[in-house]
């Protein structure tokens, strides 16, 4: 490809895929800065209403071959296990304390493949790309959050707390109900389904608004060295590992492309919520979310261009 063609392709990726994401995130950023809108209140609307509707309606309309589904789940599990192990060993090598070490691991395994990844894959690849991305988002959100809660609250009640928090999550019940509906054939139809579907799809732009609002209140001025180390691991080690694992588990075509992109996402905004809840180096976590998201503005367009 010529230099002119390369820039033309890059411009197309930026205009058609990342520009809509950046604009909605900018809206959230400005809303938080100018109007001081409470991020937690908006997040709770998504957490309790929009995201469960999105997940439920997506599961009952999901159209993916069972072999590809299992390969995608194998990729997700092995990717999280290897990233978590690498970050744990690095935290031990750098002599991070228990709190910072747990937060370091959490920031390496909880990926922003919901707020960021779902819209990205929808804009880039349409409904089929969205379905593959949704599977990876569900796995990472449930398993990653549970592991992170256990790490930050470990001790006598750590395991029970992680289980209780997970079972109280509306997304879990949306997943359970979704698979019950697919198995039994009992599901909403007509205007009821249309309402649930529209409510769920409205989560996608709100995801991006929350991302912008969260970045507006994030600070990257503390724990700079651990933040930069985490950024290197997440934004450069993550894509490399994703490329290798996606091939090893036998993914190909669109499923391969989406898996690599979802494995290359920055640290999830949800990590800030968890770290604040357990008072586990929230400044480091907020800085990691902020810096990895900034770096993704460079890495994700390059990956998209290379993969497509």
C-alpha atoms as a PDB file:
ATOM      1  CA  UNK A   1       0.000   0.000   0.000  1.00  0.00           C
ATOM      2  CA  UNK A   2       1.321   3.439  -0.941  1.00  0.00           C
ATOM      3  CA  UNK A   3       1.820   6.168   1.633  1.00  0.00           C
ATOM      4  CA  UNK A   4      -1.139   8.072   0.187  1.00  0.00           C
ATOM      5  CA  UNK A   5      -3.335   4.970   0.354  1.00  0.00           C
ATOM      6  CA  UNK A   6      -2.228   4.316   3.915  1.00  0.00           C
ATOM      7  CA  UNK A   7      -3.231   7.797   5.048  1.00  0.00           C
ATOM      8  CA  UNK A   8      -6.515   7.533   3.146  1.00  0.00           C
ATOM      9  CA  UNK A   9      -7.353   4.230   4.866  1.00  0.00           C
ATOM     10  CA  UNK A  10      -6.347   5.615   8.243  1.00  0.00           C
ATOM     11  CA  UNK A  11      -8.506   8.687   7.677  1.00  0.00           C
ATOM     12  CA  UNK A  12     -11.449   6.467   6.789  1.00  0.00           C
ATOM     13  CA  UNK A  13     -11.034   4.427   9.983  1.00  0.00           C
ATOM     14  CA  UNK A  14     -10.838   7.577  12.076  1.00  0.00           C
ATOM     15  CA  UNK A  15     -13.856   9.205  10.402  1.00  0.00           C
ATOM     16  CA  UNK A  16     -16.177   6.201  10.234  1.00  0.00           C
ATOM     17  CA  UNK A  17     -15.312   4.329  13.431  1.00  0.00           C
ATOM     18  CA  UNK A  18     -13.488   6.420  16.013  1.00  0.00           C
ATOM     19  CA  UNK A  19     -14.941   9.873  15.323  1.00  0.00           C
ATOM     20  CA  UNK A  20     -18.488   8.952  16.492  1.00  0.00           C
ATOM     21  CA  UNK A  21     -16.996   7.377  19.623  1.00  0.00           C
ATOM     22  CA  UNK A  22     -14.811  10.415  20.310  1.00  0.00           C
ATOM     23  CA  UNK A  23     -17.710  12.839  19.812  1.00  0.00           C
ATOM     24  CA  UNK A  24     -20.012  11.060  22.264  1.00  0.00           C
ATOM     25  CA  UNK A  25     -17.202  10.721  24.813  1.00  0.00           C
ATOM     26  CA  UNK A  26     -16.506  14.439  24.382  1.00  0.00           C
ATOM     27  CA  UNK A  27     -20.173  15.158  25.129  1.00  0.00           C
ATOM     28  CA  UNK A  28     -19.833  13.254  28.391  1.00  0.00           C
ATOM     29  CA  UNK A  29     -16.550  15.011  29.195  1.00  0.00           C
ATOM     30  CA  UNK A  30     -18.113  18.466  28.698  1.00  0.00           C
ATOM     31  CA  UNK A  31     -21.277  17.567  30.608  1.00  0.00           C
ATOM     32  CA  UNK A  32     -19.197  16.566  33.608  1.00  0.00           C
ATOM     33  CA  UNK A  33     -16.910  19.601  33.423  1.00  0.00           C
ATOM     34  CA  UNK A  34     -19.585  22.252  32.733  1.00  0.00           C
ATOM     35  CA  UNK A  35     -22.703  20.948  34.497  1.00  0.00           C
ATOM     36  CA  UNK A  36     -21.103  18.749  37.185  1.00  0.00           C
ATOM     37  CA  UNK A  37     -23.493  15.885  36.413  1.00  0.00           C
ATOM     38  CA  UNK A  38     -23.120  12.994  38.829  1.00  0.00           C
ATOM     39  CA  UNK A  39     -21.391  10.111  37.032  1.00  0.00           C
ATOM     40  CA  UNK A  40     -22.582   7.558  39.574  1.00  0.00           C
ATOM     41  CA  UNK A  41     -26.255   8.362  38.993  1.00  0.00           C
ATOM     42  CA  UNK A  42     -25.921   7.981  35.225  1.00  0.00           C
ATOM     43  CA  UNK A  43     -23.907   4.791  35.676  1.00  0.00           C
ATOM     44  CA  UNK A  44     -26.638   3.305  37.836  1.00  0.00           C
ATOM     45  CA  UNK A  45     -29.226   3.853  35.094  1.00  0.00           C
ATOM     46  CA  UNK A  46     -27.016   1.845  32.755  1.00  0.00           C
ATOM     47  CA  UNK A  47     -26.157  -0.720  35.421  1.00  0.00           C
ATOM     48  CA  UNK A  48     -29.711  -1.467  36.539  1.00  0.00           C
ATOM     49  CA  UNK A  49     -31.756  -0.863  33.365  1.00  0.00           C
ATOM     50  CA  UNK A  50     -30.009  -0.266  30.049  1.00  0.00           C
ATOM     51  CA  UNK A  51     -27.207  -2.853  30.185  1.00  0.00           C
ATOM     52  CA  UNK A  52     -29.448  -5.737  31.370  1.00  0.00           C
ATOM     53  CA  UNK A  53     -31.901  -4.993  28.543  1.00  0.00           C
ATOM     54  CA  UNK A  54     -29.019  -4.866  26.042  1.00  0.00           C
ATOM     55  CA  UNK A  55     -27.603  -8.177  27.224  1.00  0.00           C
ATOM     56  CA  UNK A  56     -30.949  -9.988  27.439  1.00  0.00           C
ATOM     57  CA  UNK A  57     -32.157  -8.971  23.982  1.00  0.00           C
ATOM     58  CA  UNK A  58     -28.720  -9.643  22.482  1.00  0.00           C
ATOM     59  CA  UNK A  59     -28.607 -13.167  23.917  1.00  0.00           C
ATOM     60  CA  UNK A  60     -32.055 -14.149  22.626  1.00  0.00           C
ATOM     61  CA  UNK A  61     -31.196 -12.822  19.151  1.00  0.00           C
ATOM     62  CA  UNK A  62     -27.575 -14.052  19.116  1.00  0.00           C
ATOM     63  CA  UNK A  63     -26.650 -15.974  15.963  1.00  0.00           C
ATOM     64  CA  UNK A  64     -23.180 -17.525  16.358  1.00  0.00           C
ATOM     65  CA  UNK A  65     -21.983 -21.036  15.509  1.00  0.00           C
ATOM     66  CA  UNK A  66     -21.461 -23.116  18.644  1.00  0.00           C
ATOM     67  CA  UNK A  67     -17.872 -24.009  17.651  1.00  0.00           C
ATOM     68  CA  UNK A  68     -16.957 -20.333  17.282  1.00  0.00           C
ATOM     69  CA  UNK A  69     -18.667 -19.572  20.586  1.00  0.00           C
ATOM     70  CA  UNK A  70     -16.543 -22.105  22.472  1.00  0.00           C
ATOM     71  CA  UNK A  71     -13.356 -20.934  20.753  1.00  0.00           C
ATOM     72  CA  UNK A  72     -14.198 -17.337  21.698  1.00  0.00           C
ATOM     73  CA  UNK A  73     -14.749 -18.315  25.328  1.00  0.00           C
ATOM     74  CA  UNK A  74     -11.486 -20.286  25.327  1.00  0.00           C
ATOM     75  CA  UNK A  75      -9.714 -17.190  24.039  1.00  0.00           C
ATOM     76  CA  UNK A  76     -11.319 -15.003  26.733  1.00  0.00           C
ATOM     77  CA  UNK A  77     -10.417 -17.383  29.567  1.00  0.00           C
ATOM     78  CA  UNK A  78      -6.817 -17.978  28.483  1.00  0.00           C
ATOM     79  CA  UNK A  79      -6.261 -14.285  27.760  1.00  0.00           C
ATOM     80  CA  UNK A  80      -7.441 -13.239  31.217  1.00  0.00           C
ATOM     81  CA  UNK A  81      -5.456 -15.994  32.939  1.00  0.00           C
ATOM     82  CA  UNK A  82      -2.203 -15.105  31.194  1.00  0.00           C
ATOM     83  CA  UNK A  83      -2.606 -11.340  31.581  1.00  0.00           C
ATOM     84  CA  UNK A  84      -3.482 -11.770  35.250  1.00  0.00           C
ATOM     85  CA  UNK A  85      -0.507 -14.060  35.853  1.00  0.00           C
ATOM     86  CA  UNK A  86       1.906 -11.711  34.085  1.00  0.00           C
ATOM     87  CA  UNK A  87       0.696  -8.667  35.995  1.00  0.00           C
ATOM     88  CA  UNK A  88       0.830 -10.545  39.309  1.00  0.00           C
ATOM     89  CA  UNK A  89       4.432 -11.646  38.715  1.00  0.00           C
ATOM     90  CA  UNK A  90       5.459  -8.141  37.622  1.00  0.00           C
ATOM     91  CA  UNK A  91       3.819  -6.592  40.697  1.00  0.00           C
ATOM     92  CA  UNK A  92       5.764  -9.024  42.882  1.00  0.00           C
ATOM     93  CA  UNK A  93       9.010  -8.231  41.054  1.00  0.00           C
ATOM     94  CA  UNK A  94       8.495  -4.485  41.521  1.00  0.00           C
ATOM     95  CA  UNK A  95       7.665  -5.006  45.215  1.00  0.00           C
ATOM     96  CA  UNK A  96       4.231  -3.411  45.072  1.00  0.00           C
ATOM     97  CA  UNK A  97       2.246  -3.605  48.298  1.00  0.00           C
ATOM     98  CA  UNK A  98      -0.883  -5.725  48.575  1.00  0.00           C
ATOM     99  CA  UNK A  99      -3.243  -2.879  47.701  1.00  0.00           C
ATOM    100  CA  UNK A 100      -1.285  -1.538  44.720  1.00  0.00           C
ATOM    101  CA  UNK A 101      -0.446  -5.071  43.582  1.00  0.00           C
ATOM    102  CA  UNK A 102      -4.110  -6.094  43.562  1.00  0.00           C
ATOM    103  CA  UNK A 103      -5.063  -2.901  41.722  1.00  0.00           C
ATOM    104  CA  UNK A 104      -2.271  -3.508  39.187  1.00  0.00           C
ATOM    105  CA  UNK A 105      -3.663  -6.966  38.413  1.00  0.00           C
ATOM    106  CA  UNK A 106      -7.214  -5.612  38.233  1.00  0.00           C
ATOM    107  CA  UNK A 107      -6.262  -2.890  35.746  1.00  0.00           C
ATOM    108  CA  UNK A 108      -4.613  -5.467  33.499  1.00  0.00           C
ATOM    109  CA  UNK A 109      -7.611  -7.831  33.284  1.00  0.00           C
ATOM    110  CA  UNK A 110     -10.698  -5.567  33.389  1.00  0.00           C
ATOM    111  CA  UNK A 111     -10.989  -4.212  29.863  1.00  0.00           C
ATOM    112  CA  UNK A 112     -13.160  -1.424  28.540  1.00  0.00           C
ATOM    113  CA  UNK A 113     -14.740  -3.713  25.967  1.00  0.00           C
ATOM    114  CA  UNK A 114     -18.207  -2.559  27.030  1.00  0.00           C
ATOM    115  CA  UNK A 115     -18.273   1.253  27.030  1.00  0.00           C
ATOM    116  CA  UNK A 116     -15.627   1.393  24.312  1.00  0.00           C
ATOM    117  CA  UNK A 117     -15.396  -2.016  22.655  1.00  0.00           C
ATOM    118  CA  UNK A 118     -19.084  -2.612  21.895  1.00  0.00           C
ATOM    119  CA  UNK A 119     -19.581   0.687  20.009  1.00  0.00           C
ATOM    120  CA  UNK A 120     -16.221   0.293  18.262  1.00  0.00           C
ATOM    121  CA  UNK A 121     -17.059  -3.149  16.904  1.00  0.00           C
ATOM    122  CA  UNK A 122     -20.619  -2.146  16.041  1.00  0.00           C
ATOM    123  CA  UNK A 123     -19.477   0.870  14.012  1.00  0.00           C
ATOM    124  CA  UNK A 124     -16.612  -1.045  12.389  1.00  0.00           C
ATOM    125  CA  UNK A 125     -18.264  -4.401  11.610  1.00  0.00           C
ATOM    126  CA  UNK A 126     -22.017  -4.054  12.126  1.00  0.00           C
ATOM    127  CA  UNK A 127     -24.307  -6.437  14.071  1.00  0.00           C
ATOM    128  CA  UNK A 128     -22.112  -9.520  13.502  1.00  0.00           C
ATOM    129  CA  UNK A 129     -19.080  -7.813  15.006  1.00  0.00           C
ATOM    130  CA  UNK A 130     -21.237  -6.582  17.873  1.00  0.00           C
ATOM    131  CA  UNK A 131     -22.355 -10.162  18.692  1.00  0.00           C
ATOM    132  CA  UNK A 132     -18.775 -11.451  18.948  1.00  0.00           C
ATOM    133  CA  UNK A 133     -17.790  -8.398  21.005  1.00  0.00           C
ATOM    134  CA  UNK A 134     -20.744  -8.949  23.337  1.00  0.00           C
ATOM    135  CA  UNK A 135     -19.592 -12.467  24.242  1.00  0.00           C
ATOM    136  CA  UNK A 136     -16.144 -11.194  25.202  1.00  0.00           C
ATOM    137  CA  UNK A 137     -17.640  -8.269  27.104  1.00  0.00           C
ATOM    138  CA  UNK A 138     -19.899 -10.559  29.157  1.00  0.00           C
ATOM    139  CA  UNK A 139     -17.040 -12.894  30.075  1.00  0.00           C
ATOM    140  CA  UNK A 140     -14.621 -10.104  30.945  1.00  0.00           C
ATOM    141  CA  UNK A 141     -17.195  -8.133  32.921  1.00  0.00           C
ATOM    142  CA  UNK A 142     -18.394 -11.040  35.051  1.00  0.00           C
ATOM    143  CA  UNK A 143     -15.168 -12.993  35.569  1.00  0.00           C
ATOM    144  CA  UNK A 144     -12.879  -9.947  35.674  1.00  0.00           C
ATOM    145  CA  UNK A 145     -15.031  -8.072  38.168  1.00  0.00           C
ATOM    146  CA  UNK A 146     -15.424 -11.144  40.388  1.00  0.00           C
ATOM    147  CA  UNK A 147     -11.676 -11.816  40.425  1.00  0.00           C
ATOM    148  CA  UNK A 148     -10.957  -8.144  41.112  1.00  0.00           C
ATOM    149  CA  UNK A 149     -13.429  -7.965  43.992  1.00  0.00           C
ATOM    150  CA  UNK A 150     -11.855 -11.059  45.483  1.00  0.00           C
ATOM    151  CA  UNK A 151      -8.344  -9.593  45.170  1.00  0.00           C
ATOM    152  CA  UNK A 152      -9.330  -6.295  46.772  1.00  0.00           C
ATOM    153  CA  UNK A 153     -11.512  -7.802  49.495  1.00  0.00           C
ATOM    154  CA  UNK A 154      -9.652 -11.052  50.036  1.00  0.00           C
ATOM    155  CA  UNK A 155      -9.369 -12.391  53.509  1.00  0.00           C
ATOM    156  CA  UNK A 156     -11.838 -14.239  55.635  1.00  0.00           C
ATOM    157  CA  UNK A 157     -14.884 -12.947  53.739  1.00  0.00           C
ATOM    158  CA  UNK A 158     -13.272 -12.289  50.364  1.00  0.00           C
ATOM    159  CA  UNK A 159     -14.724 -15.240  48.476  1.00  0.00           C
ATOM    160  CA  UNK A 160     -18.217 -14.831  49.939  1.00  0.00           C
ATOM    161  CA  UNK A 161     -18.176 -11.109  49.193  1.00  0.00           C
ATOM    162  CA  UNK A 162     -17.178 -11.697  45.579  1.00  0.00           C
ATOM    163  CA  UNK A 163     -19.916 -14.302  45.137  1.00  0.00           C
ATOM    164  CA  UNK A 164     -22.552 -12.117  46.808  1.00  0.00           C
ATOM    165  CA  UNK A 165     -21.631  -9.059  44.730  1.00  0.00           C
ATOM    166  CA  UNK A 166     -21.696 -11.104  41.535  1.00  0.00           C
ATOM    167  CA  UNK A 167     -25.085 -12.694  42.228  1.00  0.00           C
ATOM    168  CA  UNK A 168     -26.529  -9.266  43.030  1.00  0.00           C
ATOM    169  CA  UNK A 169     -25.481  -7.900  39.637  1.00  0.00           C
ATOM    170  CA  UNK A 170     -28.433  -7.284  37.264  1.00  0.00           C
ATOM    171  CA  UNK A 171     -26.286  -8.329  34.309  1.00  0.00           C
ATOM    172  CA  UNK A 172     -25.982 -11.836  35.797  1.00  0.00           C
ATOM    173  CA  UNK A 173     -29.746 -12.213  35.934  1.00  0.00           C
ATOM    174  CA  UNK A 174     -30.062 -10.816  32.415  1.00  0.00           C
ATOM    175  CA  UNK A 175     -27.665 -13.538  31.210  1.00  0.00           C
ATOM    176  CA  UNK A 176     -29.534 -16.265  33.103  1.00  0.00           C
ATOM    177  CA  UNK A 177     -32.928 -15.134  31.805  1.00  0.00           C
ATOM    178  CA  UNK A 178     -31.522 -14.783  28.295  1.00  0.00           C
ATOM    179  CA  UNK A 179     -30.338 -18.387  28.160  1.00  0.00           C
ATOM    180  CA  UNK A 180     -33.558 -19.624  29.793  1.00  0.00           C
ATOM    181  CA  UNK A 181     -35.513 -17.845  27.057  1.00  0.00           C
ATOM    182  CA  UNK A 182     -33.327 -19.354  24.322  1.00  0.00           C
ATOM    183  CA  UNK A 183     -33.695 -22.843  25.831  1.00  0.00           C
ATOM    184  CA  UNK A 184     -37.438 -22.774  26.485  1.00  0.00           C
ATOM    185  CA  UNK A 185     -38.514 -20.504  23.637  1.00  0.00           C
ATOM    186  CA  UNK A 186     -40.426 -18.368  26.123  1.00  0.00           C
ATOM    187  CA  UNK A 187     -39.529 -14.797  25.332  1.00  0.00           C
ATOM    188  CA  UNK A 188     -41.176 -11.393  24.864  1.00  0.00           C
ATOM    189  CA  UNK A 189     -42.677 -10.603  21.492  1.00  0.00           C
ATOM    190  CA  UNK A 190     -44.278  -7.666  19.730  1.00  0.00           C
ATOM    191  CA  UNK A 191     -44.169  -4.245  21.346  1.00  0.00           C
ATOM    192  CA  UNK A 192     -42.743  -5.619  24.620  1.00  0.00           C
ATOM    193  CA  UNK A 193     -39.682  -6.984  22.809  1.00  0.00           C
ATOM    194  CA  UNK A 194     -39.390  -3.752  20.790  1.00  0.00           C
ATOM    195  CA  UNK A 195     -39.335  -1.712  24.007  1.00  0.00           C
ATOM    196  CA  UNK A 196     -36.693  -3.939  25.605  1.00  0.00           C
ATOM    197  CA  UNK A 197     -34.634  -3.855  22.405  1.00  0.00           C
ATOM    198  CA  UNK A 198     -34.758  -0.057  22.086  1.00  0.00           C
ATOM    199  CA  UNK A 199     -33.940   0.366  25.777  1.00  0.00           C
ATOM    200  CA  UNK A 200     -30.946  -1.939  25.462  1.00  0.00           C
ATOM    201  CA  UNK A 201     -29.582  -0.290  22.333  1.00  0.00           C
ATOM    202  CA  UNK A 202     -29.751   3.112  24.042  1.00  0.00           C
ATOM    203  CA  UNK A 203     -27.026   1.827  26.368  1.00  0.00           C
ATOM    204  CA  UNK A 204     -24.442   2.128  23.578  1.00  0.00           C
ATOM    205  CA  UNK A 205     -24.303   5.964  23.322  1.00  0.00           C
ATOM    206  CA  UNK A 206     -24.742   6.258  27.102  1.00  0.00           C
ATOM    207  CA  UNK A 207     -21.713   3.959  27.549  1.00  0.00           C
ATOM    208  CA  UNK A 208     -19.643   6.517  25.652  1.00  0.00           C
ATOM    209  CA  UNK A 209     -21.068   9.467  27.580  1.00  0.00           C
ATOM    210  CA  UNK A 210     -20.115   7.753  30.857  1.00  0.00           C
ATOM    211  CA  UNK A 211     -16.635   7.101  29.481  1.00  0.00           C
ATOM    212  CA  UNK A 212     -16.193  10.815  28.782  1.00  0.00           C
ATOM    213  CA  UNK A 213     -17.610  11.810  32.173  1.00  0.00           C
ATOM    214  CA  UNK A 214     -15.260   9.393  33.950  1.00  0.00           C
ATOM    215  CA  UNK A 215     -12.231  10.702  32.073  1.00  0.00           C
ATOM    216  CA  UNK A 216     -13.216  14.256  33.060  1.00  0.00           C
ATOM    217  CA  UNK A 217     -12.806  13.432  36.733  1.00  0.00           C
ATOM    218  CA  UNK A 218      -9.812  11.099  36.422  1.00  0.00           C
ATOM    219  CA  UNK A 219      -6.373  12.160  37.578  1.00  0.00           C
ATOM    220  CA  UNK A 220      -3.074  10.830  36.275  1.00  0.00           C
ATOM    221  CA  UNK A 221      -0.779  12.884  38.488  1.00  0.00           C
ATOM    222  CA  UNK A 222       0.044  10.242  41.109  1.00  0.00           C
ATOM    223  CA  UNK A 223       1.803   6.878  40.984  1.00  0.00           C
ATOM    224  CA  UNK A 224       3.191   7.792  37.588  1.00  0.00           C
ATOM    225  CA  UNK A 225       5.706   4.940  37.296  1.00  0.00           C
ATOM    226  CA  UNK A 226       3.191   2.143  38.069  1.00  0.00           C
ATOM    227  CA  UNK A 227       0.676   3.810  35.721  1.00  0.00           C
ATOM    228  CA  UNK A 228       3.188   3.848  32.855  1.00  0.00           C
ATOM    229  CA  UNK A 229       4.191   0.250  33.552  1.00  0.00           C
ATOM    230  CA  UNK A 230       0.552  -0.821  33.563  1.00  0.00           C
ATOM    231  CA  UNK A 231      -0.052   1.106  30.336  1.00  0.00           C
ATOM    232  CA  UNK A 232       2.829  -0.661  28.588  1.00  0.00           C
ATOM    233  CA  UNK A 233       1.552  -4.068  29.724  1.00  0.00           C
ATOM    234  CA  UNK A 234      -2.095  -3.366  28.863  1.00  0.00           C
ATOM    235  CA  UNK A 235      -1.737  -1.480  25.580  1.00  0.00           C
ATOM    236  CA  UNK A 236       1.250  -3.254  24.025  1.00  0.00           C
ATOM    237  CA  UNK A 237       1.481  -6.603  25.788  1.00  0.00           C
ATOM    238  CA  UNK A 238      -2.296  -7.083  25.560  1.00  0.00           C
ATOM    239  CA  UNK A 239      -2.588  -6.820  21.754  1.00  0.00           C
ATOM    240  CA  UNK A 240       0.457  -9.038  21.253  1.00  0.00           C
ATOM    241  CA  UNK A 241      -0.973 -11.737  23.497  1.00  0.00           C
ATOM    242  CA  UNK A 242      -4.424 -11.399  21.885  1.00  0.00           C
ATOM    243  CA  UNK A 243      -2.993 -11.909  18.383  1.00  0.00           C
ATOM    244  CA  UNK A 244      -1.137 -15.062  19.459  1.00  0.00           C
ATOM    245  CA  UNK A 245      -3.992 -16.589  21.477  1.00  0.00           C
ATOM    246  CA  UNK A 246      -6.689 -15.879  18.895  1.00  0.00           C
ATOM    247  CA  UNK A 247      -4.712 -17.930  16.380  1.00  0.00           C
ATOM    248  CA  UNK A 248      -3.905 -20.694  18.864  1.00  0.00           C
ATOM    249  CA  UNK A 249      -7.582 -21.297  19.732  1.00  0.00           C
ATOM    250  CA  UNK A 250      -8.475 -21.399  16.042  1.00  0.00           C
ATOM    251  CA  UNK A 251     -10.405 -18.165  15.586  1.00  0.00           C
ATOM    252  CA  UNK A 252     -10.528 -16.755  12.084  1.00  0.00           C
ATOM    253  CA  UNK A 253     -12.215 -14.064  10.025  1.00  0.00           C
ATOM    254  CA  UNK A 254     -14.384 -11.580  11.887  1.00  0.00           C
ATOM    255  CA  UNK A 255     -14.259 -13.568  15.150  1.00  0.00           C
ATOM    256  CA  UNK A 256     -10.445 -13.292  15.116  1.00  0.00           C
ATOM    257  CA  UNK A 257     -10.499  -9.567  14.363  1.00  0.00           C
ATOM    258  CA  UNK A 258     -12.991  -8.789  17.135  1.00  0.00           C
ATOM    259  CA  UNK A 259     -11.096 -10.936  19.661  1.00  0.00           C
ATOM    260  CA  UNK A 260      -7.856  -9.057  18.971  1.00  0.00           C
ATOM    261  CA  UNK A 261      -9.577  -5.678  19.245  1.00  0.00           C
ATOM    262  CA  UNK A 262     -11.374  -6.588  22.478  1.00  0.00           C
ATOM    263  CA  UNK A 263      -8.083  -7.818  23.936  1.00  0.00           C
ATOM    264  CA  UNK A 264      -6.468  -4.493  23.030  1.00  0.00           C
ATOM    265  CA  UNK A 265      -8.882  -2.224  24.882  1.00  0.00           C
ATOM    266  CA  UNK A 266      -7.784   0.152  27.653  1.00  0.00           C
ATOM    267  CA  UNK A 267      -8.574  -0.442  31.319  1.00  0.00           C
ATOM    268  CA  UNK A 268     -12.296  -0.314  32.040  1.00  0.00           C
ATOM    269  CA  UNK A 269     -13.969   2.612  33.766  1.00  0.00           C
ATOM    270  CA  UNK A 270     -15.574   0.018  36.049  1.00  0.00           C
ATOM    271  CA  UNK A 271     -12.153  -0.477  37.657  1.00  0.00           C
ATOM    272  CA  UNK A 272     -12.483   3.017  39.153  1.00  0.00           C
ATOM    273  CA  UNK A 273     -15.828   2.100  40.720  1.00  0.00           C
ATOM    274  CA  UNK A 274     -14.397  -1.062  42.282  1.00  0.00           C
ATOM    275  CA  UNK A 275     -11.242   0.640  43.575  1.00  0.00           C
ATOM    276  CA  UNK A 276     -13.282   3.444  45.164  1.00  0.00           C
ATOM    277  CA  UNK A 277     -15.555   0.900  46.828  1.00  0.00           C
ATOM    278  CA  UNK A 278     -12.606  -0.841  48.507  1.00  0.00           C
ATOM    279  CA  UNK A 279     -10.351   2.239  48.822  1.00  0.00           C
ATOM    280  CA  UNK A 280      -7.605   0.408  46.916  1.00  0.00           C
ATOM    281  CA  UNK A 281      -5.249   3.021  45.390  1.00  0.00           C
ATOM    282  CA  UNK A 282      -8.073   4.787  43.489  1.00  0.00           C
ATOM    283  CA  UNK A 283      -5.675   7.444  42.173  1.00  0.00           C
ATOM    284  CA  UNK A 284      -3.512   4.798  40.510  1.00  0.00           C
ATOM    285  CA  UNK A 285      -6.576   3.141  38.982  1.00  0.00           C
ATOM    286  CA  UNK A 286      -8.038   6.431  37.713  1.00  0.00           C
ATOM    287  CA  UNK A 287      -4.664   7.367  36.229  1.00  0.00           C
ATOM    288  CA  UNK A 288      -4.407   3.967  34.536  1.00  0.00           C
ATOM    289  CA  UNK A 289      -7.867   4.336  32.973  1.00  0.00           C
ATOM    290  CA  UNK A 290      -7.013   7.836  31.778  1.00  0.00           C
ATOM    291  CA  UNK A 291      -3.587   7.065  30.275  1.00  0.00           C
ATOM    292  CA  UNK A 292      -4.521   3.730  28.671  1.00  0.00           C
ATOM    293  CA  UNK A 293      -7.540   5.401  27.065  1.00  0.00           C
ATOM    294  CA  UNK A 294      -5.346   8.175  25.656  1.00  0.00           C
ATOM    295  CA  UNK A 295      -2.865   5.641  24.272  1.00  0.00           C
ATOM    296  CA  UNK A 296      -5.722   3.680  22.682  1.00  0.00           C
ATOM    297  CA  UNK A 297      -6.438   6.669  20.438  1.00  0.00           C
ATOM    298  CA  UNK A 298      -3.179   5.751  18.672  1.00  0.00           C
ATOM    299  CA  UNK A 299      -3.089   1.972  19.009  1.00  0.00           C
ATOM    300  CA  UNK A 300      -6.681   1.059  18.061  1.00  0.00           C
ATOM    301  CA  UNK A 301      -6.732   2.860  14.683  1.00  0.00           C
ATOM    302  CA  UNK A 302      -3.422   1.178  13.812  1.00  0.00           C
ATOM    303  CA  UNK A 303      -4.831  -2.225  14.790  1.00  0.00           C
ATOM    304  CA  UNK A 304      -8.055  -1.649  12.857  1.00  0.00           C
ATOM    305  CA  UNK A 305      -6.077  -0.692   9.777  1.00  0.00           C
ATOM    306  CA  UNK A 306      -3.817  -3.733  10.087  1.00  0.00           C
ATOM    307  CA  UNK A 307      -6.646  -6.196  10.787  1.00  0.00           C
ATOM    308  CA  UNK A 308      -8.875  -5.009   7.968  1.00  0.00           C
END
